[in-house]
Every structure is written in structure tokens, then in C-alpha cells.
Amino acid sequence: MNTLQFKSNIKCAGCIAKATPVLNEKIGEGNWEVDIMTLKKTLTVTTNLEETEVIAIVNEAGFSAEALQ
């Protein structure tokens, strides 16, 4: 499993609530978290998926993600 980090526009508890059903289904419950307390709004994902796949899942949930280098 890889740990990937993304800058996202998931910025509040309401956003997390909206994204949770899709992210839990596609990535797995407990395999992702968003730090909404930082300016970057970092989404951390532990998965075997590729970065592009995670970005597509976040887009499907109605949000954007950009891989952090």
C-alpha cells in the first residue's frame, strides 16, 4: 500500500460529509483523511491505486485533487 497526498478543495465538515460515500466506496473506509485545519486541505490516501485513479474518484465525488510532490 502506498500513502499518497493531494491538495484538495474539500475544505469543511460539510464537504467531507458529501465526499464520504464515494471515497469510502471507491478507496475504502479508513483509507483516506482530509486535514481541513491546514491551508492546503491535504487529502491523504493509503491505497494501491494510482494518483490518477484517486484524482478521478475525488472528481466523481464533486471535488478536485492535485498530487503533492
PDB file of N, CA and C in Angstrom:
ATOM      1  N   MET A   1       0.841  -1.179   0.000  1.00  0.00           N
ATOM      2  CA  MET A   1       0.000   0.000   0.000  1.00  0.00           C
ATOM      3  C   MET A   1       0.886   1.242   0.000  1.00  0.00           C
ATOM      4  N   ASN A   2       0.480   2.213  -0.782  1.00  0.00           N
ATOM      5  CA  ASN A   2       1.197   3.479  -0.856  1.00  0.00           C
ATOM      6  C   ASN A   2       0.406   4.555  -0.135  1.00  0.00           C
ATOM      7  N   THR A   3       1.108   5.530   0.423  1.00  0.00           N
ATOM      8  CA  THR A   3       0.461   6.695   1.000  1.00  0.00           C
ATOM      9  C   THR A   3       0.670   7.849   0.037  1.00  0.00           C
ATOM     10  N   LEU A   4      -0.441   8.364  -0.472  1.00  0.00           N
ATOM     11  CA  LEU A   4      -0.417   9.464  -1.436  1.00  0.00           C
ATOM     12  C   LEU A   4      -1.033  10.698  -0.796  1.00  0.00           C
ATOM     13  N   GLN A   5      -0.525  11.883  -1.159  1.00  0.00           N
ATOM     14  CA  GLN A   5      -1.081  13.122  -0.641  1.00  0.00           C
ATOM     15  C   GLN A   5      -1.477  14.038  -1.789  1.00  0.00           C
ATOM     16  N   PHE A   6      -2.599  14.717  -1.583  1.00  0.00           N
ATOM     17  CA  PHE A   6      -3.166  15.589  -2.602  1.00  0.00           C
ATOM     18  C   PHE A   6      -3.620  16.893  -1.968  1.00  0.00           C
ATOM     19  N   LYS A   7      -3.493  17.981  -2.713  1.00  0.00           N
ATOM     20  CA  LYS A   7      -4.121  19.242  -2.352  1.00  0.00           C
ATOM     21  C   LYS A   7      -5.547  19.129  -2.873  1.00  0.00           C
ATOM     22  N   SER A   8      -6.524  19.458  -2.045  1.00  0.00           N
ATOM     23  CA  SER A   8      -7.915  19.318  -2.483  1.00  0.00           C
ATOM     24  C   SER A   8      -8.731  20.552  -2.123  1.00  0.00           C
ATOM     25  N   ASN A   9      -9.943  20.607  -2.682  1.00  0.00           N
ATOM     26  CA  ASN A   9     -10.861  21.679  -2.310  1.00  0.00           C
ATOM     27  C   ASN A   9     -11.942  21.149  -1.369  1.00  0.00           C
ATOM     28  N   ILE A  10     -11.668  20.034  -0.708  1.00  0.00           N
ATOM     29  CA  ILE A  10     -12.513  19.541   0.378  1.00  0.00           C
ATOM     30  C   ILE A  10     -12.094  20.343   1.593  1.00  0.00           C
ATOM     31  N   LYS A  11     -12.908  21.333   1.984  1.00  0.00           N
ATOM     32  CA  LYS A  11     -12.422  22.329   2.925  1.00  0.00           C
ATOM     33  C   LYS A  11     -13.161  22.424   4.255  1.00  0.00           C
ATOM     34  N   CYS A  12     -14.246  21.654   4.423  1.00  0.00           N
ATOM     35  CA  CYS A  12     -15.008  21.764   5.663  1.00  0.00           C
ATOM     36  C   CYS A  12     -15.706  20.439   5.968  1.00  0.00           C
ATOM     37  N   ALA A  13     -16.324  20.376   7.125  1.00  0.00           N
ATOM     38  CA  ALA A  13     -17.015  19.153   7.535  1.00  0.00           C
ATOM     39  C   ALA A  13     -18.140  18.804   6.558  1.00  0.00           C
ATOM     40  N   GLY A  14     -18.811  19.814   6.010  1.00  0.00           N
ATOM     41  CA  GLY A  14     -19.871  19.572   5.033  1.00  0.00           C
ATOM     42  C   GLY A  14     -19.325  18.941   3.760  1.00  0.00           C
ATOM     43  N   CYS A  15     -18.168  19.399   3.328  1.00  0.00           N
ATOM     44  CA  CYS A  15     -17.519  18.820   2.148  1.00  0.00           C
ATOM     45  C   CYS A  15     -17.146  17.366   2.405  1.00  0.00           C
ATOM     46  N   ILE A  16     -16.604  17.106   3.588  1.00  0.00           N
ATOM     47  CA  ILE A  16     -16.234  15.733   3.940  1.00  0.00           C
ATOM     48  C   ILE A  16     -17.470  14.848   3.934  1.00  0.00           C
ATOM     49  N   ALA A  17     -18.568  15.353   4.480  1.00  0.00           N
ATOM     50  CA  ALA A  17     -19.807  14.570   4.515  1.00  0.00           C
ATOM     51  C   ALA A  17     -20.290  14.251   3.105  1.00  0.00           C
ATOM     52  N   LYS A  18     -20.147  15.204   2.188  1.00  0.00           N
ATOM     53  CA  LYS A  18     -20.566  14.984   0.796  1.00  0.00           C
ATOM     54  C   LYS A  18     -19.654  13.978   0.091  1.00  0.00           C
ATOM     55  N   ALA A  19     -18.362  14.044   0.350  1.00  0.00           N
ATOM     56  CA  ALA A  19     -17.387  13.179  -0.325  1.00  0.00           C
ATOM     57  C   ALA A  19     -17.319  11.773   0.262  1.00  0.00           C
ATOM     58  N   THR A  20     -17.673  11.623   1.520  1.00  0.00           N
ATOM     59  CA  THR A  20     -17.500  10.352   2.221  1.00  0.00           C
ATOM     60  C   THR A  20     -18.118   9.142   1.527  1.00  0.00           C
ATOM     61  N   PRO A  21     -19.365   9.186   1.071  1.00  0.00           N
ATOM     62  CA  PRO A  21     -19.921   7.966   0.458  1.00  0.00           C
ATOM     63  C   PRO A  21     -19.105   7.458  -0.738  1.00  0.00           C
ATOM     64  N   VAL A  22     -18.677   8.352  -1.606  1.00  0.00           N
ATOM     65  CA  VAL A  22     -17.921   7.953  -2.793  1.00  0.00           C
ATOM     66  C   VAL A  22     -16.518   7.486  -2.403  1.00  0.00           C
ATOM     67  N   LEU A  23     -15.844   8.254  -1.556  1.00  0.00           N
ATOM     68  CA  LEU A  23     -14.480   7.893  -1.169  1.00  0.00           C
ATOM     69  C   LEU A  23     -14.454   6.588  -0.379  1.00  0.00           C
ATOM     70  N   ASN A  24     -15.424   6.381   0.511  1.00  0.00           N
ATOM     71  CA  ASN A  24     -15.469   5.121   1.253  1.00  0.00           C
ATOM     72  C   ASN A  24     -15.712   3.935   0.327  1.00  0.00           C
ATOM     73  N   GLU A  25     -16.593   4.117  -0.657  1.00  0.00           N
ATOM     74  CA  GLU A  25     -16.905   3.031  -1.585  1.00  0.00           C
ATOM     75  C   GLU A  25     -15.723   2.690  -2.480  1.00  0.00           C
ATOM     76  N   LYS A  26     -15.059   3.712  -3.019  1.00  0.00           N
ATOM     77  CA  LYS A  26     -14.014   3.504  -4.025  1.00  0.00           C
ATOM     78  C   LYS A  26     -12.613   3.311  -3.429  1.00  0.00           C
ATOM     79  N   ILE A  27     -12.334   3.982  -2.315  1.00  0.00           N
ATOM     80  CA  ILE A  27     -10.996   3.922  -1.718  1.00  0.00           C
ATOM     81  C   ILE A  27     -11.000   3.032  -0.474  1.00  0.00           C
ATOM     82  N   GLY A  28     -12.094   3.034   0.231  1.00  0.00           N
ATOM     83  CA  GLY A  28     -12.222   2.204   1.424  1.00  0.00           C
ATOM     84  C   GLY A  28     -12.269   3.042   2.692  1.00  0.00           C
ATOM     85  N   GLU A  29     -13.218   2.712   3.540  1.00  0.00           N
ATOM     86  CA  GLU A  29     -13.358   3.425   4.804  1.00  0.00           C
ATOM     87  C   GLU A  29     -12.087   3.272   5.625  1.00  0.00           C
ATOM     88  N   GLY A  30     -11.606   4.379   6.152  1.00  0.00           N
ATOM     89  CA  GLY A  30     -10.388   4.357   6.953  1.00  0.00           C
ATOM     90  C   GLY A  30      -9.101   4.455   6.145  1.00  0.00           C
ATOM     91  N   ASN A  31      -9.220   4.491   4.808  1.00  0.00           N
ATOM     92  CA  ASN A  31      -8.031   4.580   3.952  1.00  0.00           C
ATOM     93  C   ASN A  31      -7.772   5.994   3.448  1.00  0.00           C
ATOM     94  N   TRP A  32      -8.548   6.961   3.916  1.00  0.00           N
ATOM     95  CA  TRP A  32      -8.350   8.335   3.481  1.00  0.00           C
ATOM     96  C   TRP A  32      -8.729   9.271   4.624  1.00  0.00           C
ATOM     97  N   GLU A  33      -8.137  10.478   4.580  1.00  0.00           N
ATOM     98  CA  GLU A  33      -8.496  11.528   5.529  1.00  0.00           C
ATOM     99  C   GLU A  33      -8.121  12.876   4.928  1.00  0.00           C
ATOM    100  N   VAL A  34      -8.836  13.905   5.358  1.00  0.00           N
ATOM    101  CA  VAL A  34      -8.559  15.264   4.900  1.00  0.00           C
ATOM    102  C   VAL A  34      -8.231  16.108   6.118  1.00  0.00           C
ATOM    103  N   ASP A  35      -7.105  16.809   6.054  1.00  0.00           N
ATOM    104  CA  ASP A  35      -6.725  17.735   7.116  1.00  0.00           C
ATOM    105  C   ASP A  35      -7.293  19.100   6.749  1.00  0.00           C
ATOM    106  N   ILE A  36      -8.483  19.399   7.264  1.00  0.00           N
ATOM    107  CA  ILE A  36      -9.133  20.669   6.918  1.00  0.00           C
ATOM    108  C   ILE A  36      -8.609  21.836   7.752  1.00  0.00           C
ATOM    109  N   MET A  37      -7.687  21.551   8.655  1.00  0.00           N
ATOM    110  CA  MET A  37      -7.140  22.604   9.517  1.00  0.00           C
ATOM    111  C   MET A  37      -5.946  23.321   8.884  1.00  0.00           C
ATOM    112  N   THR A  38      -5.443  22.841   7.751  1.00  0.00           N
ATOM    113  CA  THR A  38      -4.320  23.492   7.090  1.00  0.00           C
ATOM    114  C   THR A  38      -4.803  24.218   5.841  1.00  0.00           C
ATOM    115  N   LEU A  39      -4.008  25.154   5.372  1.00  0.00           N
ATOM    116  CA  LEU A  39      -4.372  25.900   4.161  1.00  0.00           C
ATOM    117  C   LEU A  39      -4.416  25.011   2.923  1.00  0.00           C
ATOM    118  N   LYS A  40      -3.569  23.995   2.887  1.00  0.00           N
ATOM    119  CA  LYS A  40      -3.505  23.120   1.711  1.00  0.00           C
ATOM    120  C   LYS A  40      -4.681  22.154   1.630  1.00  0.00           C
ATOM    121  N   LYS A  41      -5.397  21.945   2.750  1.00  0.00           N
ATOM    122  CA  LYS A  41      -6.514  20.983   2.775  1.00  0.00           C
ATOM    123  C   LYS A  41      -6.043  19.632   2.235  1.00  0.00           C
ATOM    124  N   THR A  42      -5.024  19.088   2.862  1.00  0.00           N
ATOM    125  CA  THR A  42      -4.357  17.892   2.377  1.00  0.00           C
ATOM    126  C   THR A  42      -5.217  16.643   2.538  1.00  0.00           C
ATOM    127  N   LEU A  43      -5.406  15.948   1.425  1.00  0.00           N
ATOM    128  CA  LEU A  43      -6.079  14.657   1.396  1.00  0.00           C
ATOM    129  C   LEU A  43      -4.986  13.596   1.391  1.00  0.00           C
ATOM    130  N   THR A  44      -4.991  12.715   2.382  1.00  0.00           N
ATOM    131  CA  THR A  44      -4.023  11.635   2.472  1.00  0.00           C
ATOM    132  C   THR A  44      -4.750  10.324   2.242  1.00  0.00           C
ATOM    133  N   VAL A  45      -4.236   9.517   1.311  1.00  0.00           N
ATOM    134  CA  VAL A  45      -4.874   8.266   0.917  1.00  0.00           C
ATOM    135  C   VAL A  45      -3.856   7.136   1.038  1.00  0.00           C
ATOM    136  N   THR A  46      -4.265   6.044   1.663  1.00  0.00           N
ATOM    137  CA  THR A  46      -3.447   4.834   1.723  1.00  0.00           C
ATOM    138  C   THR A  46      -4.116   3.808   0.822  1.00  0.00           C
ATOM    139  N   THR A  47      -3.461   3.470  -0.289  1.00  0.00           N
ATOM    140  CA  THR A  47      -4.116   2.666  -1.313  1.00  0.00           C
ATOM    141  C   THR A  47      -3.106   2.022  -2.250  1.00  0.00           C
ATOM    142  N   ASN A  48      -3.572   1.110  -3.050  1.00  0.00           N
ATOM    143  CA  ASN A  48      -2.780   0.550  -4.146  1.00  0.00           C
ATOM    144  C   ASN A  48      -3.127   1.226  -5.469  1.00  0.00           C
ATOM    145  N   LEU A  49      -4.056   2.180  -5.439  1.00  0.00           N
ATOM    146  CA  LEU A  49      -4.460   2.893  -6.646  1.00  0.00           C
ATOM    147  C   LEU A  49      -3.369   3.861  -7.093  1.00  0.00           C
ATOM    148  N   GLU A  50      -3.412   4.210  -8.365  1.00  0.00           N
ATOM    149  CA  GLU A  50      -2.507   5.222  -8.919  1.00  0.00           C
ATOM    150  C   GLU A  50      -3.047   6.611  -8.591  1.00  0.00           C
ATOM    151  N   GLU A  51      -2.162   7.622  -8.629  1.00  0.00           N
ATOM    152  CA  GLU A  51      -2.580   9.004  -8.372  1.00  0.00           C
ATOM    153  C   GLU A  51      -3.738   9.418  -9.269  1.00  0.00           C
ATOM    154  N   THR A  52      -3.653   9.083 -10.552  1.00  0.00           N
ATOM    155  CA  THR A  52      -4.697   9.491 -11.493  1.00  0.00           C
ATOM    156  C   THR A  52      -6.040   8.865 -11.147  1.00  0.00           C
ATOM    157  N   GLU A  53      -6.018   7.634 -10.622  1.00  0.00           N
ATOM    158  CA  GLU A  53      -7.260   6.970 -10.227  1.00  0.00           C
ATOM    159  C   GLU A  53      -7.886   7.662  -9.018  1.00  0.00           C
ATOM    160  N   VAL A  54      -7.056   8.046  -8.054  1.00  0.00           N
ATOM    161  CA  VAL A  54      -7.565   8.750  -6.868  1.00  0.00           C
ATOM    162  C   VAL A  54      -8.144  10.100  -7.272  1.00  0.00           C
ATOM    163  N   ILE A  55      -7.458  10.811  -8.156  1.00  0.00           N
ATOM    164  CA  ILE A  55      -7.957  12.113  -8.620  1.00  0.00           C
ATOM    165  C   ILE A  55      -9.319  11.940  -9.298  1.00  0.00           C
ATOM    166  N   ALA A  56      -9.478  10.903 -10.105  1.00  0.00           N
ATOM    167  CA  ALA A  56     -10.749  10.641 -10.776  1.00  0.00           C
ATOM    168  C   ALA A  56     -11.851  10.344  -9.760  1.00  0.00           C
ATOM    169  N   ILE A  57     -11.538   9.619  -8.707  1.00  0.00           N
ATOM    170  CA  ILE A  57     -12.526   9.310  -7.664  1.00  0.00           C
ATOM    171  C   ILE A  57     -12.940  10.576  -6.928  1.00  0.00           C
ATOM    172  N   VAL A  58     -11.978  11.420  -6.594  1.00  0.00           N
ATOM    173  CA  VAL A  58     -12.287  12.689  -5.921  1.00  0.00           C
ATOM    174  C   VAL A  58     -13.155  13.554  -6.840  1.00  0.00           C
ATOM    175  N   ASN A  59     -12.849  13.584  -8.131  1.00  0.00           N
ATOM    176  CA  ASN A  59     -13.671  14.325  -9.086  1.00  0.00           C
ATOM    177  C   ASN A  59     -15.089  13.777  -9.127  1.00  0.00           C
ATOM    178  N   GLU A  60     -15.223  12.453  -9.092  1.00  0.00           N
ATOM    179  CA  GLU A  60     -16.540  11.815  -9.082  1.00  0.00           C
ATOM    180  C   GLU A  60     -17.342  12.240  -7.853  1.00  0.00           C
ATOM    181  N   ALA A  61     -16.659  12.480  -6.755  1.00  0.00           N
ATOM    182  CA  ALA A  61     -17.310  12.920  -5.521  1.00  0.00           C
ATOM    183  C   ALA A  61     -17.688  14.394  -5.575  1.00  0.00           C
ATOM    184  N   GLY A  62     -17.264  15.099  -6.637  1.00  0.00           N
ATOM    185  CA  GLY A  62     -17.618  16.504  -6.808  1.00  0.00           C
ATOM    186  C   GLY A  62     -16.559  17.485  -6.354  1.00  0.00           C
ATOM    187  N   PHE A  63     -15.337  16.999  -6.164  1.00  0.00           N
ATOM    188  CA  PHE A  63     -14.255  17.857  -5.692  1.00  0.00           C
ATOM    189  C   PHE A  63     -13.033  17.693  -6.583  1.00  0.00           C
ATOM    190  N   SER A  64     -12.007  18.497  -6.322  1.00  0.00           N
ATOM    191  CA  SER A  64     -10.786  18.384  -7.116  1.00  0.00           C
ATOM    192  C   SER A  64      -9.629  17.974  -6.218  1.00  0.00           C
ATOM    193  N   ALA A  65      -8.622  17.375  -6.837  1.00  0.00           N
ATOM    194  CA  ALA A  65      -7.412  16.977  -6.120  1.00  0.00           C
ATOM    195  C   ALA A  65      -6.228  17.136  -7.043  1.00  0.00           C
ATOM    196  N   GLU A  66      -5.116  17.553  -6.477  1.00  0.00           N
ATOM    197  CA  GLU A  66      -3.873  17.720  -7.222  1.00  0.00           C
ATOM    198  C   GLU A  66      -2.762  17.059  -6.414  1.00  0.00           C
ATOM    199  N   ALA A  67      -2.023  16.176  -7.045  1.00  0.00           N
ATOM    200  CA  ALA A  67      -0.965  15.446  -6.344  1.00  0.00           C
ATOM    201  C   ALA A  67       0.078  16.410  -5.777  1.00  0.00           C
ATOM    202  N   LEU A  68       0.465  16.178  -4.543  1.00  0.00           N
ATOM    203  CA  LEU A  68       1.544  16.952  -3.919  1.00  0.00           C
ATOM    204  C   LEU A  68       2.853  16.235  -4.211  1.00  0.00           C
ATOM    205  N   GLN A  69       3.854  16.981  -4.569  1.00  0.00           N
ATOM    206  CA  GLN A  69       5.163  16.399  -4.903  1.00  0.00           C
ATOM    207  C   GLN A  69       6.049  16.354  -3.696  1.00  0.00           C
TER     208      GLN A  69
END
